[in-house]
Structures are given as structure tokens and as C-alpha cells.
Amino acid sequence: MPMSVALSNSFLATHWQTVVKGAEKAGREASRNDWRITREVYIGETDKEARTQALNSNLGRAYQEYLSP
């Protein structure tokens, strides 16, 4: 099942193109009905606490070093 992280519409568009190419290479047909889009959610006691903890965790590091660039 293809799965993407929802960062932006243009980012997702490139993911779908990759899914289609991979399916074609495997002799399969890609279906948007099978595609899942995920979103990270971090919950804390307060919004401020959740934001601080998320930004100073592996989640924040992943965005800063991998996903955003």
C-alpha cells in the first residue's frame, strides 16, 4: 500500500508519480484508492508544551534535516 507524508501538494504530486512508475515497472496498475496520506500529530498537556516537545525531539529533527530540505 503506497503511503505518503502530507507536507505539501507539490510534494504529494511527486509521490504519486513515483507510485505510478513503480506499479508500471512491476506490471501492476496504480490505484489512488489504495494510496494513503499520513500526518504527524503530537499531543501535549498544552499547545505550547506539545510544540516545544515535538520541535526538540526526533520528529523535529526529521523535519529539519530530512523532510524540509
N, C-alpha and C. Protein backbone atom coordinates (compact mmCIF):
# COMPACT_ATOMS: atom_id res chain seq x y z
N MET A 1 0.85 -1.17 0.00
CA MET A 1 0.00 0.00 0.00
C MET A 1 0.89 1.24 0.00
N PRO A 2 0.78 2.10 -1.01
CA PRO A 2 1.59 3.31 -1.03
C PRO A 2 1.13 4.30 0.04
N MET A 3 2.11 4.92 0.70
CA MET A 3 1.80 5.86 1.78
C MET A 3 2.74 7.07 1.68
N SER A 4 2.20 8.26 1.85
CA SER A 4 2.97 9.49 1.76
C SER A 4 2.74 10.36 2.99
N VAL A 5 3.73 11.17 3.31
CA VAL A 5 3.61 12.16 4.37
C VAL A 5 3.08 13.44 3.72
N ALA A 6 2.04 14.04 4.29
CA ALA A 6 1.41 15.23 3.70
C ALA A 6 2.17 16.49 4.07
N LEU A 7 3.19 16.83 3.29
CA LEU A 7 3.94 18.05 3.55
C LEU A 7 3.42 19.21 2.71
N SER A 8 3.14 18.95 1.45
CA SER A 8 2.58 19.98 0.57
C SER A 8 1.99 19.29 -0.65
N ASN A 9 1.15 19.99 -1.39
CA ASN A 9 0.53 19.41 -2.58
C ASN A 9 1.56 19.05 -3.63
N SER A 10 2.57 19.90 -3.83
CA SER A 10 3.59 19.61 -4.85
C SER A 10 4.41 18.39 -4.44
N PHE A 11 4.69 18.24 -3.16
CA PHE A 11 5.42 17.08 -2.65
C PHE A 11 4.61 15.81 -2.89
N LEU A 12 3.32 15.87 -2.60
CA LEU A 12 2.46 14.71 -2.81
C LEU A 12 2.34 14.35 -4.28
N ALA A 13 2.33 15.35 -5.14
CA ALA A 13 2.23 15.10 -6.59
C ALA A 13 3.42 14.28 -7.07
N THR A 14 4.61 14.57 -6.56
CA THR A 14 5.79 13.80 -6.97
C THR A 14 5.71 12.38 -6.43
N HIS A 15 5.11 12.19 -5.26
CA HIS A 15 4.96 10.85 -4.71
C HIS A 15 4.04 10.02 -5.60
N TRP A 16 2.93 10.60 -6.02
CA TRP A 16 2.01 9.83 -6.84
C TRP A 16 2.67 9.41 -8.15
N GLN A 17 3.45 10.28 -8.75
CA GLN A 17 4.16 9.94 -9.99
C GLN A 17 5.10 8.75 -9.75
N THR A 18 5.75 8.74 -8.60
CA THR A 18 6.65 7.63 -8.27
C THR A 18 5.88 6.34 -8.06
N VAL A 19 4.72 6.41 -7.42
CA VAL A 19 3.88 5.23 -7.22
C VAL A 19 3.47 4.66 -8.58
N VAL A 20 3.05 5.51 -9.50
CA VAL A 20 2.63 5.06 -10.83
C VAL A 20 3.80 4.38 -11.56
N LYS A 21 4.97 5.00 -11.52
CA LYS A 21 6.14 4.41 -12.20
C LYS A 21 6.50 3.06 -11.59
N GLY A 22 6.47 2.97 -10.27
CA GLY A 22 6.78 1.71 -9.61
C GLY A 22 5.79 0.62 -9.96
N ALA A 23 4.52 0.97 -10.00
CA ALA A 23 3.49 -0.01 -10.35
C ALA A 23 3.68 -0.49 -11.78
N GLU A 24 3.95 0.44 -12.70
CA GLU A 24 4.17 0.07 -14.10
C GLU A 24 5.38 -0.86 -14.23
N LYS A 25 6.44 -0.56 -13.51
CA LYS A 25 7.65 -1.38 -13.55
C LYS A 25 7.37 -2.80 -13.06
N ALA A 26 6.44 -2.93 -12.11
CA ALA A 26 6.08 -4.23 -11.57
C ALA A 26 4.96 -4.90 -12.35
N GLY A 27 4.51 -4.26 -13.43
CA GLY A 27 3.42 -4.82 -14.23
C GLY A 27 2.07 -4.71 -13.56
N ARG A 28 1.92 -3.70 -12.70
CA ARG A 28 0.66 -3.50 -11.98
C ARG A 28 0.09 -2.15 -12.34
N GLU A 29 -1.15 -1.95 -11.98
CA GLU A 29 -1.80 -0.65 -12.20
C GLU A 29 -1.98 0.05 -10.85
N ALA A 30 -1.48 1.27 -10.76
CA ALA A 30 -1.62 2.05 -9.53
C ALA A 30 -3.06 2.52 -9.37
N SER A 31 -3.55 2.48 -8.15
CA SER A 31 -4.91 2.95 -7.86
C SER A 31 -4.85 3.98 -6.74
N ARG A 32 -5.40 5.15 -7.00
CA ARG A 32 -5.45 6.17 -5.95
C ARG A 32 -6.28 5.71 -4.75
N ASN A 33 -7.16 4.75 -4.96
CA ASN A 33 -7.96 4.21 -3.85
C ASN A 33 -7.09 3.49 -2.82
N ASP A 34 -5.92 3.02 -3.23
CA ASP A 34 -5.01 2.32 -2.32
C ASP A 34 -4.02 3.24 -1.64
N TRP A 35 -3.88 4.46 -2.13
CA TRP A 35 -2.88 5.41 -1.65
C TRP A 35 -3.34 6.02 -0.33
N ARG A 36 -2.46 6.06 0.64
CA ARG A 36 -2.75 6.66 1.93
C ARG A 36 -1.84 7.85 2.18
N ILE A 37 -2.38 8.88 2.78
CA ILE A 37 -1.61 10.08 3.11
C ILE A 37 -1.65 10.23 4.62
N THR A 38 -0.46 10.39 5.22
CA THR A 38 -0.36 10.46 6.67
C THR A 38 -0.05 11.88 7.13
N ARG A 39 -0.23 12.09 8.39
CA ARG A 39 0.05 13.39 9.00
C ARG A 39 0.54 13.11 10.42
N GLU A 40 1.61 13.77 10.82
CA GLU A 40 2.09 13.61 12.19
C GLU A 40 1.27 14.48 13.12
N VAL A 41 0.94 13.93 14.28
CA VAL A 41 0.20 14.67 15.29
C VAL A 41 0.90 14.43 16.62
N TYR A 42 1.19 15.51 17.32
CA TYR A 42 1.83 15.41 18.64
C TYR A 42 0.92 16.10 19.63
N ILE A 43 0.54 15.40 20.69
CA ILE A 43 -0.40 15.93 21.67
C ILE A 43 0.31 16.09 23.00
N GLY A 44 0.18 17.27 23.60
CA GLY A 44 0.74 17.54 24.91
C GLY A 44 -0.33 18.08 25.83
N GLU A 45 0.06 18.38 27.05
CA GLU A 45 -0.89 18.95 28.01
C GLU A 45 -1.41 20.31 27.52
N THR A 46 -0.53 21.08 26.86
CA THR A 46 -0.91 22.36 26.27
C THR A 46 -0.34 22.43 24.86
N ASP A 47 -0.83 23.35 24.05
CA ASP A 47 -0.28 23.54 22.71
C ASP A 47 1.19 23.91 22.78
N LYS A 48 1.53 24.78 23.71
CA LYS A 48 2.92 25.23 23.85
C LYS A 48 3.84 24.05 24.20
N GLU A 49 3.41 23.23 25.14
CA GLU A 49 4.21 22.06 25.54
C GLU A 49 4.37 21.08 24.37
N ALA A 50 3.30 20.82 23.65
CA ALA A 50 3.36 19.90 22.52
C ALA A 50 4.31 20.42 21.46
N ARG A 51 4.23 21.72 21.15
CA ARG A 51 5.10 22.31 20.13
C ARG A 51 6.56 22.21 20.57
N THR A 52 6.86 22.58 21.81
CA THR A 52 8.23 22.54 22.31
C THR A 52 8.77 21.12 22.29
N GLN A 53 7.99 20.16 22.77
CA GLN A 53 8.45 18.78 22.80
C GLN A 53 8.65 18.21 21.39
N ALA A 54 7.73 18.51 20.49
CA ALA A 54 7.84 18.00 19.12
C ALA A 54 9.06 18.58 18.41
N LEU A 55 9.28 19.89 18.55
CA LEU A 55 10.41 20.52 17.86
C LEU A 55 11.75 20.07 18.41
N ASN A 56 11.79 19.66 19.66
CA ASN A 56 13.04 19.24 20.30
C ASN A 56 13.15 17.72 20.41
N SER A 57 12.49 17.01 19.52
CA SER A 57 12.50 15.55 19.54
C SER A 57 12.98 15.03 18.18
N ASN A 58 12.92 13.73 18.02
CA ASN A 58 13.27 13.13 16.73
C ASN A 58 12.34 13.59 15.62
N LEU A 59 11.10 13.89 15.96
CA LEU A 59 10.15 14.40 14.98
C LEU A 59 10.64 15.73 14.41
N GLY A 60 11.04 16.66 15.29
CA GLY A 60 11.57 17.95 14.84
C GLY A 60 12.84 17.79 14.05
N ARG A 61 13.70 16.91 14.49
CA ARG A 61 14.97 16.67 13.78
C ARG A 61 14.71 16.11 12.38
N ALA A 62 13.76 15.19 12.25
CA ALA A 62 13.43 14.62 10.94
C ALA A 62 12.98 15.70 9.97
N TYR A 63 12.14 16.62 10.45
CA TYR A 63 11.68 17.72 9.59
C TYR A 63 12.83 18.63 9.20
N GLN A 64 13.65 18.99 10.18
CA GLN A 64 14.75 19.94 9.92
C GLN A 64 15.84 19.37 9.03
N GLU A 65 16.17 18.09 9.20
CA GLU A 65 17.31 17.51 8.50
C GLU A 65 16.94 16.67 7.28
N TYR A 66 15.71 16.20 7.22
CA TYR A 66 15.35 15.28 6.13
C TYR A 66 14.17 15.77 5.29
N LEU A 67 13.05 16.04 5.93
CA LEU A 67 11.83 16.34 5.18
C LEU A 67 11.81 17.75 4.59
N SER A 68 12.22 18.74 5.36
CA SER A 68 12.18 20.11 4.85
C SER A 68 13.17 20.41 3.73
N PRO A 69 14.43 19.99 3.86
CA PRO A 69 15.37 20.28 2.76
C PRO A 69 14.93 19.62 1.47
